[in-house]
Amino acid sequence: MENNEQNHPQEKEKTPWTGERFSTRAFRFRTIVWGLILIACAVLAAFVKQPFPERALCHWGTWLVVPIIMLIFTRIHAVWKKYFTRYELKGDSLICEKGIFSKKIDTLLIQQIKEVEMVQNLVDRFINKVGTVKLTTSDVTDPVLELRGLEHFDAAFNTINEQRKLFTRRRGVMSFGTSPVEEQSH
């Protein structure tokens, strides 16, 4: 009994995953695609004869504007998500912060998590090197919560899953015991 009491305080103090921000690596593939489109447009613009050179739409620079804008937008969006999206596990709750002008903070109690899943599509696995931790919960408003774009998604998955199992074990032990009120009534 004494050994179990010593283990529980250590488990509560231990926080191996303190949180993580969205990784800009998640936008690596989009950046590559828009860069390739930019190069293709530049090559096309250089070799295609201009039938109406006086029109602005046929000018070679126009071929490059859209890919450049999309490339810049992709990088701005990646930096935006990196600095204004944060996931953190504190005690028995998972906190998700999003936004800059209007900030949204979602708190999910570990006891509400039914299933923890790691997801990596082909692009995320081989090019972006990031992943998603998908949580199926008993929350009525948001039954599925996805922590997207995590570089260390395996550590997040393991920690959240271990915390969920630990809470389930504690709840199971507590539910099998009898409360002092029940003992007095018998």
N, C-alpha and C. Protein backbone atom coordinates (compact mmCIF):
# COMPACT_ATOMS: atom_id res chain seq x y z
N MET A 1 0.82 -1.19 0.00
CA MET A 1 0.00 0.00 0.00
C MET A 1 0.87 1.26 0.00
N GLU A 2 1.92 1.22 0.80
CA GLU A 2 2.80 2.38 0.90
C GLU A 2 3.49 2.65 -0.44
N ASN A 3 3.85 1.60 -1.17
CA ASN A 3 4.51 1.74 -2.46
C ASN A 3 3.57 2.40 -3.47
N ASN A 4 2.28 2.03 -3.49
CA ASN A 4 1.31 2.64 -4.40
C ASN A 4 1.13 4.12 -4.11
N GLU A 5 1.09 4.51 -2.84
CA GLU A 5 0.93 5.91 -2.49
C GLU A 5 2.12 6.73 -2.95
N GLN A 6 3.29 6.12 -2.96
CA GLN A 6 4.48 6.84 -3.42
C GLN A 6 4.46 7.00 -4.92
N ASN A 7 3.90 6.05 -5.68
CA ASN A 7 3.88 6.12 -7.14
C ASN A 7 2.91 7.18 -7.66
N HIS A 8 1.76 7.34 -7.04
CA HIS A 8 0.77 8.29 -7.53
C HIS A 8 1.25 9.73 -7.55
N PRO A 9 1.92 10.25 -6.50
CA PRO A 9 2.40 11.63 -6.58
C PRO A 9 3.42 11.81 -7.71
N GLN A 10 4.22 10.81 -7.98
CA GLN A 10 5.20 10.93 -9.07
C GLN A 10 4.49 11.01 -10.41
N GLU A 11 3.42 10.25 -10.60
CA GLU A 11 2.70 10.27 -11.85
C GLU A 11 2.02 11.61 -12.08
N LYS A 12 1.52 12.25 -11.03
CA LYS A 12 0.86 13.54 -11.16
C LYS A 12 1.86 14.64 -11.52
N GLU A 13 3.06 14.59 -10.97
CA GLU A 13 4.06 15.61 -11.22
C GLU A 13 4.69 15.49 -12.60
N LYS A 14 4.71 14.29 -13.14
CA LYS A 14 5.37 14.02 -14.41
C LYS A 14 4.55 14.61 -15.57
N THR A 15 5.15 15.49 -16.37
CA THR A 15 4.49 16.03 -17.56
C THR A 15 5.46 15.95 -18.73
N PRO A 16 5.51 14.79 -19.40
CA PRO A 16 6.47 14.62 -20.48
C PRO A 16 6.16 15.42 -21.74
N TRP A 17 4.90 15.77 -21.97
CA TRP A 17 4.55 16.56 -23.15
C TRP A 17 3.92 17.85 -22.69
N THR A 18 4.69 18.94 -22.70
CA THR A 18 4.21 20.21 -22.18
C THR A 18 3.46 21.01 -23.23
N GLY A 19 3.45 20.54 -24.45
CA GLY A 19 2.72 21.24 -25.49
C GLY A 19 3.57 21.46 -26.71
N GLU A 20 2.91 21.87 -27.77
CA GLU A 20 3.60 22.07 -29.03
C GLU A 20 2.81 23.04 -29.88
N ARG A 21 3.53 23.76 -30.71
CA ARG A 21 2.89 24.66 -31.67
C ARG A 21 2.73 23.94 -33.00
N PHE A 22 1.85 24.45 -33.81
CA PHE A 22 1.67 23.96 -35.17
C PHE A 22 3.00 24.12 -35.90
N SER A 23 3.39 23.14 -36.69
CA SER A 23 4.67 23.20 -37.39
C SER A 23 4.49 23.73 -38.81
N THR A 24 5.39 24.62 -39.22
CA THR A 24 5.32 25.13 -40.59
C THR A 24 5.68 24.05 -41.60
N ARG A 25 6.24 22.94 -41.14
CA ARG A 25 6.52 21.82 -42.04
C ARG A 25 5.26 21.30 -42.72
N ALA A 26 4.12 21.51 -42.06
CA ALA A 26 2.85 21.03 -42.62
C ALA A 26 2.53 21.71 -43.95
N PHE A 27 3.15 22.85 -44.21
CA PHE A 27 2.92 23.57 -45.46
C PHE A 27 4.05 23.37 -46.47
N ARG A 28 4.98 22.48 -46.17
CA ARG A 28 6.11 22.26 -47.07
C ARG A 28 5.67 21.81 -48.45
N PHE A 29 4.73 20.88 -48.52
CA PHE A 29 4.27 20.35 -49.81
C PHE A 29 3.59 21.44 -50.62
N ARG A 30 2.73 22.25 -49.99
CA ARG A 30 2.07 23.35 -50.70
C ARG A 30 3.09 24.32 -51.25
N THR A 31 4.11 24.62 -50.48
CA THR A 31 5.16 25.53 -50.93
C THR A 31 5.88 24.96 -52.14
N ILE A 32 6.18 23.68 -52.10
CA ILE A 32 6.86 23.03 -53.23
C ILE A 32 5.97 23.07 -54.47
N VAL A 33 4.69 22.76 -54.30
CA VAL A 33 3.77 22.75 -55.45
C VAL A 33 3.67 24.13 -56.08
N TRP A 34 3.47 25.17 -55.26
CA TRP A 34 3.37 26.52 -55.82
C TRP A 34 4.70 26.99 -56.42
N GLY A 35 5.81 26.55 -55.85
CA GLY A 35 7.12 26.87 -56.45
C GLY A 35 7.28 26.22 -57.82
N LEU A 36 6.84 24.97 -57.94
CA LEU A 36 6.91 24.28 -59.25
C LEU A 36 5.97 24.93 -60.27
N ILE A 37 4.79 25.33 -59.82
CA ILE A 37 3.86 26.03 -60.72
C ILE A 37 4.47 27.36 -61.16
N LEU A 38 5.13 28.06 -60.27
CA LEU A 38 5.80 29.31 -60.61
C LEU A 38 6.87 29.08 -61.67
N ILE A 39 7.68 28.06 -61.50
CA ILE A 39 8.72 27.73 -62.47
C ILE A 39 8.10 27.36 -63.82
N ALA A 40 7.03 26.55 -63.79
CA ALA A 40 6.36 26.15 -65.03
C ALA A 40 5.79 27.37 -65.74
N CYS A 41 5.20 28.29 -65.01
CA CYS A 41 4.66 29.51 -65.62
C CYS A 41 5.77 30.38 -66.21
N ALA A 42 6.89 30.45 -65.53
CA ALA A 42 8.01 31.24 -66.04
C ALA A 42 8.54 30.64 -67.34
N VAL A 43 8.66 29.31 -67.37
CA VAL A 43 9.12 28.63 -68.59
C VAL A 43 8.10 28.83 -69.72
N LEU A 44 6.84 28.65 -69.42
CA LEU A 44 5.78 28.85 -70.40
C LEU A 44 5.79 30.27 -70.93
N ALA A 45 5.90 31.23 -70.06
CA ALA A 45 5.90 32.64 -70.46
C ALA A 45 7.10 32.97 -71.35
N ALA A 46 8.21 32.32 -71.10
CA ALA A 46 9.41 32.60 -71.89
C ALA A 46 9.32 32.01 -73.30
N PHE A 47 8.61 30.90 -73.46
CA PHE A 47 8.60 30.21 -74.75
C PHE A 47 7.32 30.39 -75.57
N VAL A 48 6.27 30.89 -74.97
CA VAL A 48 5.02 31.06 -75.70
C VAL A 48 5.04 32.41 -76.41
N LYS A 49 4.66 32.39 -77.70
CA LYS A 49 4.58 33.64 -78.47
C LYS A 49 3.36 34.42 -78.02
N GLN A 50 3.52 35.70 -77.88
CA GLN A 50 2.45 36.57 -77.43
C GLN A 50 1.69 37.09 -78.65
N PRO A 51 0.41 36.65 -78.87
CA PRO A 51 -0.32 37.13 -80.04
C PRO A 51 -0.74 38.60 -79.93
N PHE A 52 -1.02 39.07 -78.74
CA PHE A 52 -1.43 40.46 -78.54
C PHE A 52 -0.55 41.07 -77.45
N PRO A 53 0.65 41.51 -77.77
CA PRO A 53 1.56 42.01 -76.75
C PRO A 53 1.08 43.28 -76.05
N GLU A 54 0.15 44.02 -76.69
CA GLU A 54 -0.30 45.26 -76.06
C GLU A 54 -1.28 45.01 -74.91
N ARG A 55 -1.89 43.84 -74.85
CA ARG A 55 -2.84 43.53 -73.78
C ARG A 55 -2.09 43.08 -72.52
N ALA A 56 -2.58 43.53 -71.39
CA ALA A 56 -1.93 43.21 -70.11
C ALA A 56 -2.05 41.72 -69.77
N LEU A 57 -3.17 41.08 -70.13
CA LEU A 57 -3.37 39.69 -69.79
C LEU A 57 -2.40 38.76 -70.51
N CYS A 58 -1.85 39.20 -71.62
CA CYS A 58 -0.94 38.35 -72.38
C CYS A 58 0.51 38.61 -72.02
N HIS A 59 0.77 39.55 -71.18
CA HIS A 59 2.14 39.87 -70.80
C HIS A 59 2.71 38.74 -69.95
N TRP A 60 4.00 38.45 -70.11
CA TRP A 60 4.60 37.31 -69.42
C TRP A 60 4.59 37.46 -67.90
N GLY A 61 4.62 38.67 -67.42
CA GLY A 61 4.61 38.90 -65.98
C GLY A 61 3.32 38.45 -65.32
N THR A 62 2.22 38.51 -66.08
CA THR A 62 0.93 38.08 -65.56
C THR A 62 0.93 36.59 -65.25
N TRP A 63 1.68 35.83 -66.02
CA TRP A 63 1.76 34.38 -65.79
C TRP A 63 2.38 34.08 -64.42
N LEU A 64 3.20 35.00 -63.95
CA LEU A 64 3.92 34.76 -62.70
C LEU A 64 3.23 35.32 -61.46
N VAL A 65 2.28 36.24 -61.65
CA VAL A 65 1.67 36.92 -60.52
C VAL A 65 0.90 35.96 -59.61
N VAL A 66 0.03 35.13 -60.18
CA VAL A 66 -0.80 34.23 -59.37
C VAL A 66 0.06 33.25 -58.57
N PRO A 67 1.02 32.54 -59.18
CA PRO A 67 1.84 31.63 -58.36
C PRO A 67 2.65 32.35 -57.28
N ILE A 68 3.13 33.54 -57.57
CA ILE A 68 3.89 34.30 -56.56
C ILE A 68 2.98 34.67 -55.40
N ILE A 69 1.78 35.15 -55.70
CA ILE A 69 0.83 35.51 -54.65
C ILE A 69 0.48 34.27 -53.82
N MET A 70 0.22 33.15 -54.46
CA MET A 70 -0.13 31.93 -53.74
C MET A 70 1.05 31.41 -52.90
N LEU A 71 2.26 31.55 -53.41
CA LEU A 71 3.45 31.14 -52.68
C LEU A 71 3.62 32.01 -51.42
N ILE A 72 3.45 33.31 -51.57
CA ILE A 72 3.55 34.22 -50.43
C ILE A 72 2.42 33.94 -49.43
N PHE A 73 1.20 33.76 -49.93
CA PHE A 73 0.06 33.45 -49.05
C PHE A 73 0.29 32.16 -48.28
N THR A 74 0.83 31.14 -48.93
CA THR A 74 1.09 29.87 -48.26
C THR A 74 2.09 30.04 -47.12
N ARG A 75 3.14 30.80 -47.35
CA ARG A 75 4.14 31.01 -46.29
C ARG A 75 3.57 31.85 -45.14
N ILE A 76 2.78 32.88 -45.46
CA ILE A 76 2.16 33.70 -44.41
C ILE A 76 1.20 32.85 -43.58
N HIS A 77 0.41 32.02 -44.24
CA HIS A 77 -0.53 31.15 -43.55
C HIS A 77 0.20 30.17 -42.64
N ALA A 78 1.32 29.62 -43.09
CA ALA A 78 2.11 28.68 -42.29
C ALA A 78 2.66 29.37 -41.03
N VAL A 79 3.21 30.56 -41.19
CA VAL A 79 3.75 31.29 -40.04
C VAL A 79 2.62 31.69 -39.10
N TRP A 80 1.51 32.11 -39.66
CA TRP A 80 0.33 32.48 -38.86
C TRP A 80 -0.10 31.32 -37.97
N LYS A 81 -0.25 30.14 -38.57
CA LYS A 81 -0.68 28.97 -37.80
C LYS A 81 0.36 28.57 -36.77
N LYS A 82 1.65 28.73 -37.10
CA LYS A 82 2.71 28.35 -36.16
C LYS A 82 2.65 29.19 -34.90
N TYR A 83 2.52 30.49 -35.05
CA TYR A 83 2.59 31.36 -33.88
C TYR A 83 1.25 31.57 -33.17
N PHE A 84 0.15 31.16 -33.80
CA PHE A 84 -1.14 31.41 -33.18
C PHE A 84 -1.98 30.15 -33.01
N THR A 85 -1.32 28.97 -32.97
CA THR A 85 -1.97 27.71 -32.64
C THR A 85 -1.06 26.97 -31.68
N ARG A 86 -1.61 26.61 -30.52
CA ARG A 86 -0.81 25.92 -29.51
C ARG A 86 -1.65 24.86 -28.82
N TYR A 87 -1.02 23.71 -28.60
CA TYR A 87 -1.65 22.59 -27.90
C TYR A 87 -0.83 22.31 -26.64
N GLU A 88 -1.52 22.09 -25.52
CA GLU A 88 -0.80 21.85 -24.27
C GLU A 88 -1.61 20.92 -23.36
N LEU A 89 -0.91 20.00 -22.71
CA LEU A 89 -1.52 19.09 -21.76
C LEU A 89 -1.14 19.56 -20.36
N LYS A 90 -2.14 20.01 -19.60
CA LYS A 90 -1.90 20.49 -18.24
C LYS A 90 -2.76 19.69 -17.28
N GLY A 91 -2.11 18.93 -16.42
CA GLY A 91 -2.85 18.14 -15.44
C GLY A 91 -3.77 17.14 -16.12
N ASP A 92 -5.06 17.26 -15.86
CA ASP A 92 -6.05 16.35 -16.44
C ASP A 92 -6.83 16.99 -17.58
N SER A 93 -6.26 18.01 -18.24
CA SER A 93 -6.97 18.64 -19.35
C SER A 93 -6.02 18.99 -20.49
N LEU A 94 -6.55 18.95 -21.69
CA LEU A 94 -5.83 19.32 -22.91
C LEU A 94 -6.35 20.67 -23.34
N ILE A 95 -5.44 21.62 -23.55
CA ILE A 95 -5.82 22.98 -23.90
C ILE A 95 -5.37 23.27 -25.33
N CYS A 96 -6.29 23.78 -26.15
CA CYS A 96 -6.02 24.16 -27.54
C CYS A 96 -6.29 25.65 -27.69
N GLU A 97 -5.24 26.40 -28.01
CA GLU A 97 -5.37 27.85 -28.22
C GLU A 97 -5.22 28.14 -29.70
N LYS A 98 -6.13 28.96 -30.25
CA LYS A 98 -6.06 29.34 -31.65
C LYS A 98 -6.48 30.80 -31.80
N GLY A 99 -5.85 31.49 -32.74
CA GLY A 99 -6.28 32.83 -33.09
C GLY A 99 -5.34 33.92 -32.65
N ILE A 100 -5.50 35.09 -33.31
CA ILE A 100 -4.71 36.27 -32.95
C ILE A 100 -5.64 37.43 -32.60
N PHE A 101 -6.57 37.77 -33.48
CA PHE A 101 -7.48 38.89 -33.22
C PHE A 101 -8.60 38.45 -32.28
N SER A 102 -9.15 37.29 -32.56
CA SER A 102 -10.11 36.71 -31.63
C SER A 102 -9.54 35.35 -31.24
N LYS A 103 -9.20 35.23 -29.99
CA LYS A 103 -8.55 34.02 -29.50
C LYS A 103 -9.60 33.03 -29.02
N LYS A 104 -9.42 31.76 -29.40
CA LYS A 104 -10.33 30.70 -28.97
C LYS A 104 -9.51 29.69 -28.18
N ILE A 105 -9.94 29.42 -26.95
CA ILE A 105 -9.26 28.44 -26.10
C ILE A 105 -10.26 27.33 -25.78
N ASP A 106 -9.95 26.12 -26.23
CA ASP A 106 -10.77 24.96 -25.95
C ASP A 106 -10.08 24.12 -24.89
N THR A 107 -10.83 23.67 -23.92
CA THR A 107 -10.30 22.79 -22.89
C THR A 107 -11.06 21.48 -22.94
N LEU A 108 -10.31 20.40 -23.03
CA LEU A 108 -10.90 19.07 -23.07
C LEU A 108 -10.35 18.28 -21.90
N LEU A 109 -11.24 17.78 -21.07
CA LEU A 109 -10.82 16.96 -19.94
C LEU A 109 -10.40 15.58 -20.44
N ILE A 110 -9.34 15.04 -19.85
CA ILE A 110 -8.84 13.72 -20.23
C ILE A 110 -9.94 12.66 -20.11
N GLN A 111 -10.81 12.81 -19.14
CA GLN A 111 -11.87 11.83 -18.93
C GLN A 111 -12.86 11.79 -20.09
N GLN A 112 -12.90 12.84 -20.92
CA GLN A 112 -13.82 12.88 -22.05
C GLN A 112 -13.26 12.16 -23.28
N ILE A 113 -11.99 11.81 -23.28
CA ILE A 113 -11.36 11.19 -24.44
C ILE A 113 -11.71 9.70 -24.47
N LYS A 114 -12.33 9.29 -25.57
CA LYS A 114 -12.68 7.88 -25.74
C LYS A 114 -11.58 7.13 -26.49
N GLU A 115 -11.01 7.78 -27.52
CA GLU A 115 -10.02 7.12 -28.36
C GLU A 115 -8.98 8.12 -28.82
N VAL A 116 -7.73 7.68 -28.88
CA VAL A 116 -6.62 8.50 -29.37
C VAL A 116 -6.05 7.80 -30.60
N GLU A 117 -5.84 8.57 -31.67
CA GLU A 117 -5.41 7.98 -32.93
C GLU A 117 -4.33 8.86 -33.57
N MET A 118 -3.31 8.22 -34.16
CA MET A 118 -2.28 8.94 -34.91
C MET A 118 -2.61 8.83 -36.39
N VAL A 119 -2.54 9.97 -37.10
CA VAL A 119 -2.87 9.99 -38.53
C VAL A 119 -1.74 10.69 -39.27
N GLN A 120 -1.29 10.06 -40.35
CA GLN A 120 -0.29 10.66 -41.23
C GLN A 120 -0.61 10.24 -42.65
N ASN A 121 -0.93 11.21 -43.49
CA ASN A 121 -1.14 10.84 -44.89
C ASN A 121 0.22 10.75 -45.59
N LEU A 122 0.20 10.36 -46.85
CA LEU A 122 1.44 10.13 -47.60
C LEU A 122 2.33 11.37 -47.64
N VAL A 123 1.73 12.53 -47.92
CA VAL A 123 2.50 13.78 -48.01
C VAL A 123 3.09 14.14 -46.65
N ASP A 124 2.29 14.05 -45.59
CA ASP A 124 2.80 14.38 -44.25
C ASP A 124 3.91 13.43 -43.83
N ARG A 125 3.79 12.19 -44.22
CA ARG A 125 4.78 11.19 -43.79
C ARG A 125 6.13 11.36 -44.48
N PHE A 126 6.13 11.54 -45.80
CA PHE A 126 7.39 11.54 -46.54
C PHE A 126 7.93 12.91 -46.89
N ILE A 127 7.08 13.92 -46.97
CA ILE A 127 7.56 15.25 -47.36
C ILE A 127 7.55 16.21 -46.18
N ASN A 128 6.40 16.35 -45.54
CA ASN A 128 6.26 17.34 -44.47
C ASN A 128 6.87 16.88 -43.14
N LYS A 129 6.89 15.57 -42.90
CA LYS A 129 7.41 14.98 -41.66
C LYS A 129 6.66 15.50 -40.43
N VAL A 130 5.33 15.57 -40.54
CA VAL A 130 4.47 15.95 -39.42
C VAL A 130 3.31 14.96 -39.34
N GLY A 131 2.50 15.09 -38.30
CA GLY A 131 1.35 14.21 -38.16
C GLY A 131 0.23 14.87 -37.40
N THR A 132 -0.85 14.14 -37.28
CA THR A 132 -2.05 14.62 -36.60
C THR A 132 -2.42 13.63 -35.51
N VAL A 133 -2.79 14.14 -34.36
CA VAL A 133 -3.33 13.30 -33.29
C VAL A 133 -4.83 13.57 -33.28
N LYS A 134 -5.59 12.51 -33.53
CA LYS A 134 -7.06 12.62 -33.61
C LYS A 134 -7.66 12.05 -32.34
N LEU A 135 -8.47 12.86 -31.66
CA LEU A 135 -9.11 12.46 -30.41
C LEU A 135 -10.61 12.34 -30.62
N THR A 136 -11.16 11.17 -30.33
CA THR A 136 -12.60 10.98 -30.34
C THR A 136 -13.05 11.14 -28.89
N THR A 137 -14.00 12.06 -28.68
CA THR A 137 -14.37 12.42 -27.32
C THR A 137 -15.87 12.26 -27.07
N SER A 138 -16.24 12.39 -25.83
CA SER A 138 -17.65 12.38 -25.46
C SER A 138 -18.21 13.80 -25.40
N ASP A 139 -17.45 14.77 -25.85
CA ASP A 139 -17.88 16.17 -25.87
C ASP A 139 -19.02 16.34 -26.87
N VAL A 140 -20.09 16.97 -26.47
CA VAL A 140 -21.27 17.13 -27.32
C VAL A 140 -21.01 18.13 -28.45
N THR A 141 -20.33 19.22 -28.16
CA THR A 141 -20.11 20.26 -29.17
C THR A 141 -19.06 19.87 -30.20
N ASP A 142 -17.98 19.25 -29.79
CA ASP A 142 -16.90 18.82 -30.68
C ASP A 142 -16.52 17.38 -30.39
N PRO A 143 -17.18 16.40 -31.01
CA PRO A 143 -16.87 15.01 -30.69
C PRO A 143 -15.51 14.55 -31.20
N VAL A 144 -14.95 15.23 -32.22
CA VAL A 144 -13.64 14.87 -32.75
C VAL A 144 -12.75 16.11 -32.70
N LEU A 145 -11.60 15.96 -32.08
CA LEU A 145 -10.63 17.04 -32.00
C LEU A 145 -9.35 16.57 -32.67
N GLU A 146 -8.85 17.36 -33.61
CA GLU A 146 -7.62 17.01 -34.32
C GLU A 146 -6.54 18.01 -33.99
N LEU A 147 -5.42 17.51 -33.50
CA LEU A 147 -4.24 18.32 -33.25
C LEU A 147 -3.36 18.17 -34.48
N ARG A 148 -3.45 19.12 -35.39
CA ARG A 148 -2.81 19.01 -36.70
C ARG A 148 -1.42 19.64 -36.72
N GLY A 149 -0.59 19.14 -37.64
CA GLY A 149 0.69 19.73 -37.92
C GLY A 149 1.71 19.63 -36.80
N LEU A 150 1.72 18.52 -36.07
CA LEU A 150 2.66 18.35 -34.97
C LEU A 150 3.92 17.63 -35.45
N GLU A 151 5.08 18.21 -35.16
CA GLU A 151 6.35 17.55 -35.51
C GLU A 151 6.56 16.32 -34.63
N HIS A 152 6.27 16.44 -33.36
CA HIS A 152 6.47 15.35 -32.40
C HIS A 152 5.12 14.73 -32.05
N PHE A 153 4.38 14.37 -33.07
CA PHE A 153 3.03 13.85 -32.87
C PHE A 153 3.04 12.51 -32.13
N ASP A 154 4.11 11.74 -32.30
CA ASP A 154 4.18 10.45 -31.60
C ASP A 154 4.29 10.65 -30.09
N ALA A 155 5.06 11.65 -29.66
CA ALA A 155 5.17 11.95 -28.23
C ALA A 155 3.84 12.46 -27.68
N ALA A 156 3.16 13.30 -28.46
CA ALA A 156 1.85 13.80 -28.04
C ALA A 156 0.86 12.64 -27.94
N PHE A 157 0.86 11.76 -28.93
CA PHE A 157 -0.03 10.60 -28.93
C PHE A 157 0.22 9.73 -27.70
N ASN A 158 1.48 9.39 -27.47
CA ASN A 158 1.82 8.52 -26.33
C ASN A 158 1.43 9.14 -24.99
N THR A 159 1.73 10.42 -24.82
CA THR A 159 1.44 11.07 -23.56
C THR A 159 -0.06 11.19 -23.30
N ILE A 160 -0.80 11.64 -24.31
CA ILE A 160 -2.25 11.78 -24.14
C ILE A 160 -2.89 10.42 -23.89
N ASN A 161 -2.45 9.41 -24.63
CA ASN A 161 -3.00 8.07 -24.46
C ASN A 161 -2.67 7.51 -23.07
N GLU A 162 -1.44 7.73 -22.60
CA GLU A 162 -1.05 7.26 -21.26
C GLU A 162 -1.85 7.98 -20.18
N GLN A 163 -2.05 9.29 -20.34
CA GLN A 163 -2.85 10.04 -19.37
C GLN A 163 -4.29 9.53 -19.35
N ARG A 164 -4.82 9.21 -20.53
CA ARG A 164 -6.18 8.68 -20.64
C ARG A 164 -6.28 7.33 -19.94
N LYS A 165 -5.30 6.45 -20.19
CA LYS A 165 -5.29 5.13 -19.55
C LYS A 165 -5.13 5.26 -18.03
N LEU A 166 -4.26 6.16 -17.59
CA LEU A 166 -4.04 6.38 -16.17
C LEU A 166 -5.33 6.85 -15.50
N PHE A 167 -6.02 7.78 -16.14
CA PHE A 167 -7.28 8.28 -15.59
C PHE A 167 -8.32 7.16 -15.54
N THR A 168 -8.38 6.34 -16.59
CA THR A 168 -9.33 5.22 -16.64
C THR A 168 -9.04 4.22 -15.53
N ARG A 169 -7.76 3.92 -15.31
CA ARG A 169 -7.38 3.01 -14.23
C ARG A 169 -7.78 3.57 -12.87
N ARG A 170 -7.51 4.85 -12.65
CA ARG A 170 -7.87 5.48 -11.37
C ARG A 170 -9.38 5.47 -11.18
N ARG A 171 -10.12 5.80 -12.22
CA ARG A 171 -11.57 5.83 -12.14
C ARG A 171 -12.11 4.43 -11.90
N GLY A 172 -11.51 3.41 -12.52
CA GLY A 172 -11.92 2.03 -12.33
C GLY A 172 -11.70 1.57 -10.90
N VAL A 173 -10.56 1.93 -10.32
CA VAL A 173 -10.26 1.55 -8.94
C VAL A 173 -11.22 2.26 -8.00
N MET A 174 -11.51 3.53 -8.27
CA MET A 174 -12.41 4.28 -7.40
C MET A 174 -13.84 3.75 -7.50
N SER A 175 -14.27 3.30 -8.68
CA SER A 175 -15.65 2.85 -8.81
C SER A 175 -15.87 1.48 -8.17
N PHE A 176 -14.82 0.65 -8.06
CA PHE A 176 -14.96 -0.65 -7.43
C PHE A 176 -14.96 -0.55 -5.91
N GLY A 177 -14.40 0.52 -5.37
CA GLY A 177 -14.37 0.71 -3.92
C GLY A 177 -15.72 1.22 -3.43
N THR A 178 -15.92 1.16 -2.15
CA THR A 178 -17.16 1.69 -1.59
C THR A 178 -16.86 2.99 -0.88
N SER A 179 -17.79 3.89 -0.93
CA SER A 179 -17.59 5.17 -0.26
C SER A 179 -17.88 5.03 1.23
N PRO A 180 -17.38 5.90 2.07
CA PRO A 180 -17.62 5.83 3.51
C PRO A 180 -19.11 5.92 3.85
N VAL A 181 -19.90 6.63 3.06
CA VAL A 181 -21.35 6.76 3.32
C VAL A 181 -22.02 5.42 3.13
N GLU A 182 -21.63 4.66 2.07
CA GLU A 182 -22.21 3.35 1.82
C GLU A 182 -21.87 2.38 2.95
N GLU A 183 -20.63 2.45 3.46
CA GLU A 183 -20.20 1.55 4.51
C GLU A 183 -21.00 1.77 5.80
N GLN A 184 -21.31 3.04 6.10
CA GLN A 184 -22.04 3.38 7.32
C GLN A 184 -23.49 2.90 7.23
N SER A 185 -24.09 2.91 6.06
CA SER A 185 -25.49 2.52 5.92
C SER A 185 -25.69 1.02 6.05
N HIS A 186 -24.62 0.22 5.81
CA HIS A 186 -24.75 -1.25 5.91
C HIS A 186 -24.59 -1.69 7.28
